[in-house]
Amino acid sequence: SRDDAKNTGYLQMTSLQPEDTAVYYCSANVAWITYWGQGTQ
């Protein structure tokens, strides 16, 4: 989901399983340029 007023995106994860273990990165396109977050474990 996203909240444009806050310029924030969200990922709600439920029923997590061990195979979901990973570093999660967000990526966003701003003015036609793609940016990446630092990752969260």
PDB file of all heavy atoms in Angstrom:
ATOM      1  N   SER A   1       0.851  -1.185   0.000  1.00  0.00           N
ATOM      2  CA  SER A   1       0.000   0.000   0.000  1.00  0.00           C
ATOM      3  C   SER A   1       0.890   1.240   0.000  1.00  0.00           C
ATOM      4  O   SER A   1       2.116   1.141   0.124  1.00  0.00           O
ATOM      5  CB  SER A   1      -0.942   0.005   1.211  1.00  0.00           C
ATOM      6  OG  SER A   1      -0.198   0.029   2.418  1.00  0.00           O
ATOM      7  N   ARG A   2       0.257   2.401  -0.121  1.00  0.00           N
ATOM      8  CA  ARG A   2       1.027   3.637  -0.184  1.00  0.00           C
ATOM      9  C   ARG A   2       0.209   4.772   0.403  1.00  0.00           C
ATOM     10  O   ARG A   2      -1.025   4.763   0.350  1.00  0.00           O
ATOM     11  CB  ARG A   2       1.409   3.954  -1.629  1.00  0.00           C
ATOM     12  CG  ARG A   2       0.215   4.027  -2.583  1.00  0.00           C
ATOM     13  CD  ARG A   2       0.664   4.063  -4.026  1.00  0.00           C
ATOM     14  NE  ARG A   2       1.319   5.335  -4.331  1.00  0.00           N
ATOM     15  CZ  ARG A   2       2.101   5.507  -5.393  1.00  0.00           C
ATOM     16  NH1 ARG A   2       2.357   4.505  -6.207  1.00  0.00           N
ATOM     17  NH2 ARG A   2       2.638   6.688  -5.614  1.00  0.00           N
ATOM     18  N   ASP A   3       0.904   5.740   0.949  1.00  0.00           N
ATOM     19  CA  ASP A   3       0.291   6.961   1.444  1.00  0.00           C
ATOM     20  C   ASP A   3       1.025   8.101   0.752  1.00  0.00           C
ATOM     21  O   ASP A   3       2.127   8.497   1.176  1.00  0.00           O
ATOM     22  CB  ASP A   3       0.417   7.049   2.967  1.00  0.00           C
ATOM     23  CG  ASP A   3      -0.288   8.260   3.542  1.00  0.00           C
ATOM     24  OD1 ASP A   3      -0.527   9.224   2.801  1.00  0.00           O
ATOM     25  OD2 ASP A   3      -0.592   8.235   4.745  1.00  0.00           O
ATOM     26  N   ASP A   4       0.435   8.627  -0.316  1.00  0.00           N
ATOM     27  CA  ASP A   4       1.123   9.639  -1.100  1.00  0.00           C
ATOM     28  C   ASP A   4       1.345  10.924  -0.311  1.00  0.00           C
ATOM     29  O   ASP A   4       2.305  11.653  -0.561  1.00  0.00           O
ATOM     30  CB  ASP A   4       0.331   9.929  -2.382  1.00  0.00           C
ATOM     31  CG  ASP A   4       0.421   8.784  -3.380  1.00  0.00           C
ATOM     32  OD1 ASP A   4       1.244   7.869  -3.155  1.00  0.00           O
ATOM     33  OD2 ASP A   4      -0.341   8.787  -4.363  1.00  0.00           O
ATOM     34  N   ALA A   5       0.462  11.205   0.616  1.00  0.00           N
ATOM     35  CA  ALA A   5       0.623  12.415   1.420  1.00  0.00           C
ATOM     36  C   ALA A   5       1.892  12.344   2.267  1.00  0.00           C
ATOM     37  O   ALA A   5       2.495  13.374   2.574  1.00  0.00           O
ATOM     38  CB  ALA A   5      -0.595  12.612   2.311  1.00  0.00           C
ATOM     39  N   LYS A   6       2.280  11.130   2.630  1.00  0.00           N
ATOM     40  CA  LYS A   6       3.494  10.941   3.432  1.00  0.00           C
ATOM     41  C   LYS A   6       4.664  10.470   2.582  1.00  0.00           C
ATOM     42  O   LYS A   6       5.754  10.236   3.116  1.00  0.00           O
ATOM     43  CB  LYS A   6       3.226   9.923   4.544  1.00  0.00           C
ATOM     44  CG  LYS A   6       2.174  10.365   5.551  1.00  0.00           C
ATOM     45  CD  LYS A   6       1.984   9.305   6.626  1.00  0.00           C
ATOM     46  CE  LYS A   6       0.947   9.756   7.653  1.00  0.00           C
ATOM     47  NZ  LYS A   6       0.737   8.725   8.702  1.00  0.00           N
ATOM     48  N   ASN A   7       4.426  10.295   1.282  1.00  0.00           N
ATOM     49  CA  ASN A   7       5.467   9.757   0.381  1.00  0.00           C
ATOM     50  C   ASN A   7       6.048   8.469   0.947  1.00  0.00           C
ATOM     51  O   ASN A   7       7.279   8.253   0.943  1.00  0.00           O
ATOM     52  CB  ASN A   7       6.575  10.784   0.148  1.00  0.00           C
ATOM     53  CG  ASN A   7       6.818  11.020  -1.335  1.00  0.00           C
ATOM     54  OD1 ASN A   7       6.061  10.554  -2.184  1.00  0.00           O
ATOM     55  ND2 ASN A   7       7.879  11.724  -1.662  1.00  0.00           N
ATOM     56  N   THR A   8       5.174   7.615   1.399  1.00  0.00           N
ATOM     57  CA  THR A   8       5.573   6.380   2.078  1.00  0.00           C
ATOM     58  C   THR A   8       4.841   5.194   1.489  1.00  0.00           C
ATOM     59  O   THR A   8       3.653   5.273   1.183  1.00  0.00           O
ATOM     60  CB  THR A   8       5.280   6.482   3.583  1.00  0.00           C
ATOM     61  OG1 THR A   8       6.059   7.551   4.135  1.00  0.00           O
ATOM     62  CG2 THR A   8       5.633   5.180   4.300  1.00  0.00           C
ATOM     63  N   GLY A   9       5.572   4.116   1.320  1.00  0.00           N
ATOM     64  CA  GLY A   9       4.994   2.857   0.905  1.00  0.00           C
ATOM     65  C   GLY A   9       5.086   1.859   2.044  1.00  0.00           C
ATOM     66  O   GLY A   9       5.946   1.978   2.932  1.00  0.00           O
ATOM     67  N   TYR A  10       4.199   0.876   2.018  1.00  0.00           N
ATOM     68  CA  TYR A  10       4.137  -0.104   3.092  1.00  0.00           C
ATOM     69  C   TYR A  10       4.053  -1.503   2.513  1.00  0.00           C
ATOM     70  O   TYR A  10       3.556  -1.714   1.409  1.00  0.00           O
ATOM     71  CB  TYR A  10       2.900   0.140   3.969  1.00  0.00           C
ATOM     72  CG  TYR A  10       2.805   1.531   4.538  1.00  0.00           C
ATOM     73  CD1 TYR A  10       2.067   2.516   3.897  1.00  0.00           C
ATOM     74  CD2 TYR A  10       3.464   1.862   5.723  1.00  0.00           C
ATOM     75  CE1 TYR A  10       1.992   3.795   4.416  1.00  0.00           C
ATOM     76  CE2 TYR A  10       3.381   3.144   6.246  1.00  0.00           C
ATOM     77  CZ  TYR A  10       2.648   4.099   5.592  1.00  0.00           C
ATOM     78  OH  TYR A  10       2.568   5.369   6.103  1.00  0.00           O
ATOM     79  N   LEU A  11       4.516  -2.457   3.290  1.00  0.00           N
ATOM     80  CA  LEU A  11       4.327  -3.865   2.965  1.00  0.00           C
ATOM     81  C   LEU A  11       3.868  -4.556   4.241  1.00  0.00           C
ATOM     82  O   LEU A  11       4.634  -4.674   5.199  1.00  0.00           O
ATOM     83  CB  LEU A  11       5.605  -4.510   2.439  1.00  0.00           C
ATOM     84  CG  LEU A  11       5.451  -5.957   1.974  1.00  0.00           C
ATOM     85  CD1 LEU A  11       4.567  -6.020   0.718  1.00  0.00           C
ATOM     86  CD2 LEU A  11       6.803  -6.602   1.701  1.00  0.00           C
ATOM     87  N   GLN A  12       2.625  -4.977   4.241  1.00  0.00           N
ATOM     88  CA  GLN A  12       2.078  -5.717   5.365  1.00  0.00           C
ATOM     89  C   GLN A  12       2.259  -7.201   5.081  1.00  0.00           C
ATOM     90  O   GLN A  12       1.766  -7.712   4.079  1.00  0.00           O
ATOM     91  CB  GLN A  12       0.605  -5.385   5.557  1.00  0.00           C
ATOM     92  CG  GLN A  12      -0.035  -6.078   6.734  1.00  0.00           C
ATOM     93  CD  GLN A  12      -1.515  -5.737   6.887  1.00  0.00           C
ATOM     94  OE1 GLN A  12      -2.112  -5.103   6.012  1.00  0.00           O
ATOM     95  NE2 GLN A  12      -2.111  -6.149   7.983  1.00  0.00           N
ATOM     96  N   MET A  13       2.942  -7.887   5.968  1.00  0.00           N
ATOM     97  CA  MET A  13       3.246  -9.300   5.767  1.00  0.00           C
ATOM     98  C   MET A  13       2.601 -10.108   6.872  1.00  0.00           C
ATOM     99  O   MET A  13       2.831  -9.852   8.057  1.00  0.00           O
ATOM    100  CB  MET A  13       4.765  -9.519   5.777  1.00  0.00           C
ATOM    101  CG  MET A  13       5.517  -8.647   4.780  1.00  0.00           C
ATOM    102  SD  MET A  13       7.279  -9.001   4.714  1.00  0.00           S
ATOM    103  CE  MET A  13       7.772  -8.401   6.326  1.00  0.00           C
ATOM    104  N   THR A  14       1.801 -11.076   6.478  1.00  0.00           N
ATOM    105  CA  THR A  14       1.140 -11.955   7.444  1.00  0.00           C
ATOM    106  C   THR A  14       1.468 -13.404   7.121  1.00  0.00           C
ATOM    107  O   THR A  14       1.984 -13.715   6.045  1.00  0.00           O
ATOM    108  CB  THR A  14      -0.383 -11.760   7.410  1.00  0.00           C
ATOM    109  OG1 THR A  14      -0.881 -12.133   6.120  1.00  0.00           O
ATOM    110  CG2 THR A  14      -0.754 -10.308   7.682  1.00  0.00           C
ATOM    111  N   SER A  15       1.158 -14.281   8.050  1.00  0.00           N
ATOM    112  CA  SER A  15       1.412 -15.717   7.876  1.00  0.00           C
ATOM    113  C   SER A  15       2.840 -15.960   7.382  1.00  0.00           C
ATOM    114  O   SER A  15       3.069 -16.749   6.463  1.00  0.00           O
ATOM    115  CB  SER A  15       0.404 -16.317   6.894  1.00  0.00           C
ATOM    116  OG  SER A  15      -0.915 -16.132   7.349  1.00  0.00           O
ATOM    117  N   LEU A  16       3.783 -15.312   8.000  1.00  0.00           N
ATOM    118  CA  LEU A  16       5.174 -15.426   7.577  1.00  0.00           C
ATOM    119  C   LEU A  16       5.707 -16.832   7.801  1.00  0.00           C
ATOM    120  O   LEU A  16       5.360 -17.503   8.782  1.00  0.00           O
ATOM    121  CB  LEU A  16       6.027 -14.407   8.315  1.00  0.00           C
ATOM    122  CG  LEU A  16       5.890 -12.963   7.799  1.00  0.00           C
ATOM    123  CD1 LEU A  16       6.396 -11.968   8.830  1.00  0.00           C
ATOM    124  CD2 LEU A  16       6.635 -12.809   6.488  1.00  0.00           C
ATOM    125  N   GLN A  17       6.548 -17.249   6.871  1.00  0.00           N
ATOM    126  CA  GLN A  17       7.144 -18.580   6.910  1.00  0.00           C
ATOM    127  C   GLN A  17       8.658 -18.447   6.850  1.00  0.00           C
ATOM    128  O   GLN A  17       9.176 -17.419   6.382  1.00  0.00           O
ATOM    129  CB  GLN A  17       6.626 -19.412   5.738  1.00  0.00           C
ATOM    130  CG  GLN A  17       5.127 -19.611   5.736  1.00  0.00           C
ATOM    131  CD  GLN A  17       4.632 -20.302   7.006  1.00  0.00           C
ATOM    132  OE1 GLN A  17       5.220 -21.273   7.472  1.00  0.00           O
ATOM    133  NE2 GLN A  17       3.551 -19.781   7.581  1.00  0.00           N
ATOM    134  N   PRO A  18       9.390 -19.467   7.285  1.00  0.00           N
ATOM    135  CA  PRO A  18      10.854 -19.381   7.241  1.00  0.00           C
ATOM    136  C   PRO A  18      11.403 -19.039   5.852  1.00  0.00           C
ATOM    137  O   PRO A  18      12.432 -18.355   5.752  1.00  0.00           O
ATOM    138  CB  PRO A  18      11.287 -20.778   7.696  1.00  0.00           C
ATOM    139  CG  PRO A  18      10.190 -21.212   8.612  1.00  0.00           C
ATOM    140  CD  PRO A  18       8.936 -20.677   7.997  1.00  0.00           C
ATOM    141  N   GLU A  19      10.721 -19.478   4.816  1.00  0.00           N
ATOM    142  CA  GLU A  19      11.200 -19.180   3.466  1.00  0.00           C
ATOM    143  C   GLU A  19      11.032 -17.713   3.085  1.00  0.00           C
ATOM    144  O   GLU A  19      11.520 -17.281   2.039  1.00  0.00           O
ATOM    145  CB  GLU A  19      10.503 -20.070   2.430  1.00  0.00           C
ATOM    146  CG  GLU A  19       8.999 -20.068   2.512  1.00  0.00           C
ATOM    147  CD  GLU A  19       8.456 -21.222   3.354  1.00  0.00           C
ATOM    148  OE1 GLU A  19       9.132 -21.606   4.344  1.00  0.00           O
ATOM    149  OE2 GLU A  19       7.365 -21.719   3.016  1.00  0.00           O
ATOM    150  N   ASP A  20      10.363 -16.940   3.917  1.00  0.00           N
ATOM    151  CA  ASP A  20      10.255 -15.501   3.690  1.00  0.00           C
ATOM    152  C   ASP A  20      11.473 -14.754   4.245  1.00  0.00           C
ATOM    153  O   ASP A  20      11.595 -13.540   4.039  1.00  0.00           O
ATOM    154  CB  ASP A  20       8.989 -14.951   4.349  1.00  0.00           C
ATOM    155  CG  ASP A  20       7.715 -15.477   3.712  1.00  0.00           C
ATOM    156  OD1 ASP A  20       7.649 -15.531   2.466  1.00  0.00           O
ATOM    157  OD2 ASP A  20       6.784 -15.840   4.464  1.00  0.00           O
ATOM    158  N   THR A  21      12.345 -15.467   4.924  1.00  0.00           N
ATOM    159  CA  THR A  21      13.545 -14.850   5.487  1.00  0.00           C
ATOM    160  C   THR A  21      14.421 -14.285   4.374  1.00  0.00           C
ATOM    161  O   THR A  21      14.775 -14.985   3.432  1.00  0.00           O
ATOM    162  CB  THR A  21      14.349 -15.871   6.306  1.00  0.00           C
ATOM    163  OG1 THR A  21      13.572 -16.263   7.442  1.00  0.00           O
ATOM    164  CG2 THR A  21      15.668 -15.270   6.780  1.00  0.00           C
ATOM    165  N   ALA A  22      14.743 -13.006   4.474  1.00  0.00           N
ATOM    166  CA  ALA A  22      15.529 -12.332   3.438  1.00  0.00           C
ATOM    167  C   ALA A  22      15.772 -10.889   3.866  1.00  0.00           C
ATOM    168  O   ALA A  22      15.185 -10.414   4.847  1.00  0.00           O
ATOM    169  CB  ALA A  22      14.798 -12.347   2.102  1.00  0.00           C
ATOM    170  N   VAL A  23      16.612 -10.219   3.116  1.00  0.00           N
ATOM    171  CA  VAL A  23      16.704  -8.768   3.227  1.00  0.00           C
ATOM    172  C   VAL A  23      15.690  -8.180   2.252  1.00  0.00           C
ATOM    173  O   VAL A  23      15.677  -8.545   1.072  1.00  0.00           O
ATOM    174  CB  VAL A  23      18.122  -8.263   2.891  1.00  0.00           C
ATOM    175  CG1 VAL A  23      18.161  -6.730   2.963  1.00  0.00           C
ATOM    176  CG2 VAL A  23      19.142  -8.860   3.852  1.00  0.00           C
ATOM    177  N   TYR A  24      14.846  -7.324   2.768  1.00  0.00           N
ATOM    178  CA  TYR A  24      13.801  -6.719   1.960  1.00  0.00           C
ATOM    179  C   TYR A  24      14.207  -5.297   1.574  1.00  0.00           C
ATOM    180  O   TYR A  24      14.619  -4.503   2.434  1.00  0.00           O
ATOM    181  CB  TYR A  24      12.486  -6.711   2.729  1.00  0.00           C
ATOM    182  CG  TYR A  24      11.821  -8.060   2.763  1.00  0.00           C
ATOM    183  CD1 TYR A  24      12.368  -9.106   3.505  1.00  0.00           C
ATOM    184  CD2 TYR A  24      10.650  -8.313   2.046  1.00  0.00           C
ATOM    185  CE1 TYR A  24      11.775 -10.358   3.516  1.00  0.00           C
ATOM    186  CE2 TYR A  24      10.040  -9.558   2.068  1.00  0.00           C
ATOM    187  CZ  TYR A  24      10.612 -10.574   2.792  1.00  0.00           C
ATOM    188  OH  TYR A  24      10.022 -11.822   2.812  1.00  0.00           O
ATOM    189  N   TYR A  25      14.078  -5.003   0.301  1.00  0.00           N
ATOM    190  CA  TYR A  25      14.436  -3.696  -0.226  1.00  0.00           C
ATOM    191  C   TYR A  25      13.209  -3.028  -0.844  1.00  0.00           C
ATOM    192  O   TYR A  25      12.437  -3.677  -1.547  1.00  0.00           O
ATOM    193  CB  TYR A  25      15.490  -3.818  -1.322  1.00  0.00           C
ATOM    194  CG  TYR A  25      16.796  -4.435  -0.895  1.00  0.00           C
ATOM    195  CD1 TYR A  25      16.992  -5.807  -0.937  1.00  0.00           C
ATOM    196  CD2 TYR A  25      17.846  -3.633  -0.457  1.00  0.00           C
ATOM    197  CE1 TYR A  25      18.199  -6.372  -0.560  1.00  0.00           C
ATOM    198  CE2 TYR A  25      19.063  -4.182  -0.078  1.00  0.00           C
ATOM    199  CZ  TYR A  25      19.228  -5.554  -0.131  1.00  0.00           C
ATOM    200  OH  TYR A  25      20.423  -6.110   0.250  1.00  0.00           O
ATOM    201  N   CYS A  26      13.068  -1.751  -0.613  1.00  0.00           N
ATOM    202  CA  CYS A  26      12.046  -1.028  -1.359  1.00  0.00           C
ATOM    203  C   CYS A  26      12.712  -0.313  -2.520  1.00  0.00           C
ATOM    204  O   CYS A  26      13.902   0.021  -2.484  1.00  0.00           O
ATOM    205  CB  CYS A  26      11.279  -0.046  -0.477  1.00  0.00           C
ATOM    206  SG  CYS A  26      12.216   1.393   0.064  1.00  0.00           S
ATOM    207  N   SER A  27      11.931  -0.110  -3.550  1.00  0.00           N
ATOM    208  CA  SER A  27      12.393   0.577  -4.735  1.00  0.00           C
ATOM    209  C   SER A  27      11.282   1.508  -5.201  1.00  0.00           C
ATOM    210  O   SER A  27      10.126   1.098  -5.251  1.00  0.00           O
ATOM    211  CB  SER A  27      12.732  -0.431  -5.832  1.00  0.00           C
ATOM    212  OG  SER A  27      13.098   0.227  -7.022  1.00  0.00           O
ATOM    213  N   ALA A  28      11.624   2.731  -5.523  1.00  0.00           N
ATOM    214  CA  ALA A  28      10.616   3.697  -5.938  1.00  0.00           C
ATOM    215  C   ALA A  28      11.123   4.505  -7.120  1.00  0.00           C
ATOM    216  O   ALA A  28      12.319   4.806  -7.230  1.00  0.00           O
ATOM    217  CB  ALA A  28      10.256   4.626  -4.786  1.00  0.00           C
ATOM    218  N   ASN A  29      10.170   4.853  -7.973  1.00  0.00           N
ATOM    219  CA  ASN A  29      10.489   5.656  -9.147  1.00  0.00           C
ATOM    220  C   ASN A  29      10.033   7.086  -8.881  1.00  0.00           C
ATOM    221  O   ASN A  29       8.835   7.325  -8.693  1.00  0.00           O
ATOM    222  CB  ASN A  29       9.775   5.085 -10.372  1.00  0.00           C
ATOM    223  CG  ASN A  29      10.133   5.831 -11.631  1.00  0.00           C
ATOM    224  OD1 ASN A  29       9.678   6.958 -11.836  1.00  0.00           O
ATOM    225  ND2 ASN A  29      10.949   5.219 -12.457  1.00  0.00           N
ATOM    226  N   VAL A  30      10.971   7.992  -8.840  1.00  0.00           N
ATOM    227  CA  VAL A  30      10.678   9.406  -8.589  1.00  0.00           C
ATOM    228  C   VAL A  30      11.225  10.206  -9.763  1.00  0.00           C
ATOM    229  O   VAL A  30      12.436  10.161 -10.009  1.00  0.00           O
ATOM    230  CB  VAL A  30      11.316   9.896  -7.273  1.00  0.00           C
ATOM    231  CG1 VAL A  30      10.994  11.372  -7.040  1.00  0.00           C
ATOM    232  CG2 VAL A  30      10.855   9.045  -6.099  1.00  0.00           C
ATOM    233  N   ALA A  31      10.338  10.902 -10.450  1.00  0.00           N
ATOM    234  CA  ALA A  31      10.747  11.705 -11.606  1.00  0.00           C
ATOM    235  C   ALA A  31      11.572  10.869 -12.584  1.00  0.00           C
ATOM    236  O   ALA A  31      12.642  11.308 -13.049  1.00  0.00           O
ATOM    237  CB  ALA A  31      11.526  12.942 -11.161  1.00  0.00           C
ATOM    238  N   TRP A  32      11.102   9.656 -12.842  1.00  0.00           N
ATOM    239  CA  TRP A  32      11.687   8.755 -13.833  1.00  0.00           C
ATOM    240  C   TRP A  32      13.054   8.210 -13.437  1.00  0.00           C
ATOM    241  O   TRP A  32      13.752   7.618 -14.265  1.00  0.00           O
ATOM    242  CB  TRP A  32      11.776   9.426 -15.206  1.00  0.00           C
ATOM    243  CG  TRP A  32      10.483  10.034 -15.608  1.00  0.00           C
ATOM    244  CD1 TRP A  32      10.184  11.356 -15.714  1.00  0.00           C
ATOM    245  CD2 TRP A  32       9.266   9.332 -15.889  1.00  0.00           C
ATOM    246  NE1 TRP A  32       8.864  11.526 -16.071  1.00  0.00           N
ATOM    247  CE2 TRP A  32       8.269  10.318 -16.176  1.00  0.00           C
ATOM    248  CE3 TRP A  32       8.903   7.978 -15.933  1.00  0.00           C
ATOM    249  CZ2 TRP A  32       6.965   9.975 -16.513  1.00  0.00           C
ATOM    250  CZ3 TRP A  32       7.596   7.659 -16.261  1.00  0.00           C
ATOM    251  CH2 TRP A  32       6.649   8.644 -16.546  1.00  0.00           C
ATOM    252  N   ILE A  33      13.423   8.352 -12.200  1.00  0.00           N
ATOM    253  CA  ILE A  33      14.662   7.766 -11.689  1.00  0.00           C
ATOM    254  C   ILE A  33      14.295   6.749 -10.620  1.00  0.00           C
ATOM    255  O   ILE A  33      13.448   7.022  -9.769  1.00  0.00           O
ATOM    256  CB  ILE A  33      15.597   8.850 -11.103  1.00  0.00           C
ATOM    257  CG1 ILE A  33      15.975   9.860 -12.195  1.00  0.00           C
ATOM    258  CG2 ILE A  33      16.853   8.211 -10.502  1.00  0.00           C
ATOM    259  CD1 ILE A  33      16.777  11.038 -11.682  1.00  0.00           C
ATOM    260  N   THR A  34      14.936   5.598 -10.676  1.00  0.00           N
ATOM    261  CA  THR A  34      14.658   4.538  -9.707  1.00  0.00           C
ATOM    262  C   THR A  34      15.648   4.596  -8.558  1.00  0.00           C
ATOM    263  O   THR A  34      16.865   4.669  -8.779  1.00  0.00           O
ATOM    264  CB  THR A  34      14.736   3.167 -10.387  1.00  0.00           C
ATOM    265  OG1 THR A  34      13.746   3.106 -11.413  1.00  0.00           O
ATOM    266  CG2 THR A  34      14.477   2.056  -9.375  1.00  0.00           C
ATOM    267  N   TYR A  35      15.113   4.569  -7.360  1.00  0.00           N
ATOM    268  CA  TYR A  35      15.921   4.593  -6.150  1.00  0.00           C
ATOM    269  C   TYR A  35      15.680   3.324  -5.349  1.00  0.00           C
ATOM    270  O   TYR A  35      14.619   2.696  -5.460  1.00  0.00           O
ATOM    271  CB  TYR A  35      15.571   5.826  -5.297  1.00  0.00           C
ATOM    272  CG  TYR A  35      15.837   7.137  -5.991  1.00  0.00           C
ATOM    273  CD1 TYR A  35      14.856   7.749  -6.766  1.00  0.00           C
ATOM    274  CD2 TYR A  35      17.074   7.765  -5.870  1.00  0.00           C
ATOM    275  CE1 TYR A  35      15.093   8.949  -7.413  1.00  0.00           C
ATOM    276  CE2 TYR A  35      17.322   8.975  -6.511  1.00  0.00           C
ATOM    277  CZ  TYR A  35      16.332   9.555  -7.280  1.00  0.00           C
ATOM    278  OH  TYR A  35      16.584  10.752  -7.920  1.00  0.00           O
ATOM    279  N   TRP A  36      16.676   2.986  -4.517  1.00  0.00           N
ATOM    280  CA  TRP A  36      16.588   1.801  -3.677  1.00  0.00           C
ATOM    281  C   TRP A  36      16.824   2.175  -2.220  1.00  0.00           C
ATOM    282  O   TRP A  36      17.636   3.056  -1.912  1.00  0.00           O
ATOM    283  CB  TRP A  36      17.638   0.776  -4.098  1.00  0.00           C
ATOM    284  CG  TRP A  36      17.327   0.144  -5.416  1.00  0.00           C
ATOM    285  CD1 TRP A  36      17.679   0.587  -6.650  1.00  0.00           C
ATOM    286  CD2 TRP A  36      16.603  -1.063  -5.622  1.00  0.00           C
ATOM    287  NE1 TRP A  36      17.207  -0.259  -7.619  1.00  0.00           N
ATOM    288  CE2 TRP A  36      16.541  -1.279  -7.016  1.00  0.00           C
ATOM    289  CE3 TRP A  36      15.986  -1.987  -4.768  1.00  0.00           C
ATOM    290  CZ2 TRP A  36      15.888  -2.388  -7.570  1.00  0.00           C
ATOM    291  CZ3 TRP A  36      15.347  -3.090  -5.328  1.00  0.00           C
ATOM    292  CH2 TRP A  36      15.308  -3.277  -6.712  1.00  0.00           C
ATOM    293  N   GLY A  37      16.107   1.471  -1.365  1.00  0.00           N
ATOM    294  CA  GLY A  37      16.354   1.618   0.056  1.00  0.00           C
ATOM    295  C   GLY A  37      17.569   0.804   0.467  1.00  0.00           C
ATOM    296  O   GLY A  37      18.141   0.057  -0.328  1.00  0.00           O
ATOM    297  N   GLN A  38      17.937   0.949   1.736  1.00  0.00           N
ATOM    298  CA  GLN A  38      19.146   0.296   2.235  1.00  0.00           C
ATOM    299  C   GLN A  38      18.922  -1.171   2.576  1.00  0.00           C
ATOM    300  O   GLN A  38      19.887  -1.919   2.771  1.00  0.00           O
ATOM    301  CB  GLN A  38      19.666   1.041   3.484  1.00  0.00           C
ATOM    302  CG  GLN A  38      18.929   0.718   4.778  1.00  0.00           C
ATOM    303  CD  GLN A  38      17.603   1.459   4.938  1.00  0.00           C
ATOM    304  OE1 GLN A  38      17.111   2.112   4.013  1.00  0.00           O
ATOM    305  NE2 GLN A  38      17.025   1.360   6.134  1.00  0.00           N
ATOM    306  N   GLY A  39      17.674  -1.577   2.621  1.00  0.00           N
ATOM    307  CA  GLY A  39      17.359  -2.958   2.960  1.00  0.00           C
ATOM    308  C   GLY A  39      17.093  -3.129   4.441  1.00  0.00           C
ATOM    309  O   GLY A  39      17.717  -2.468   5.278  1.00  0.00           O
ATOM    310  N   THR A  40      16.176  -4.012   4.745  1.00  0.00           N
ATOM    311  CA  THR A  40      15.869  -4.327   6.133  1.00  0.00           C
ATOM    312  C   THR A  40      15.721  -5.848   6.267  1.00  0.00           C
ATOM    313  O   THR A  40      15.096  -6.492   5.425  1.00  0.00           O
ATOM    314  CB  THR A  40      14.603  -3.594   6.615  1.00  0.00           C
ATOM    315  OG1 THR A  40      14.391  -3.825   8.008  1.00  0.00           O
ATOM    316  CG2 THR A  40      13.359  -4.032   5.857  1.00  0.00           C
ATOM    317  N   GLN A  41      16.332  -6.398   7.302  1.00  0.00           N
ATOM    318  CA  GLN A  41      16.351  -7.842   7.479  1.00  0.00           C
ATOM    319  C   GLN A  41      15.035  -8.332   8.070  1.00  0.00           C
ATOM    320  O   GLN A  41      14.549  -7.791   9.072  1.00  0.00           O
ATOM    321  CB  GLN A  41      17.503  -8.252   8.394  1.00  0.00           C
ATOM    322  CG  GLN A  41      17.577  -9.746   8.694  1.00  0.00           C
ATOM    323  CD  GLN A  41      17.980 -10.573   7.498  1.00  0.00           C
ATOM    324  OE1 GLN A  41      18.934 -10.228   6.789  1.00  0.00           O
ATOM    325  NE2 GLN A  41      17.275 -11.680   7.251  1.00  0.00           N
TER     326      GLN A  41
END
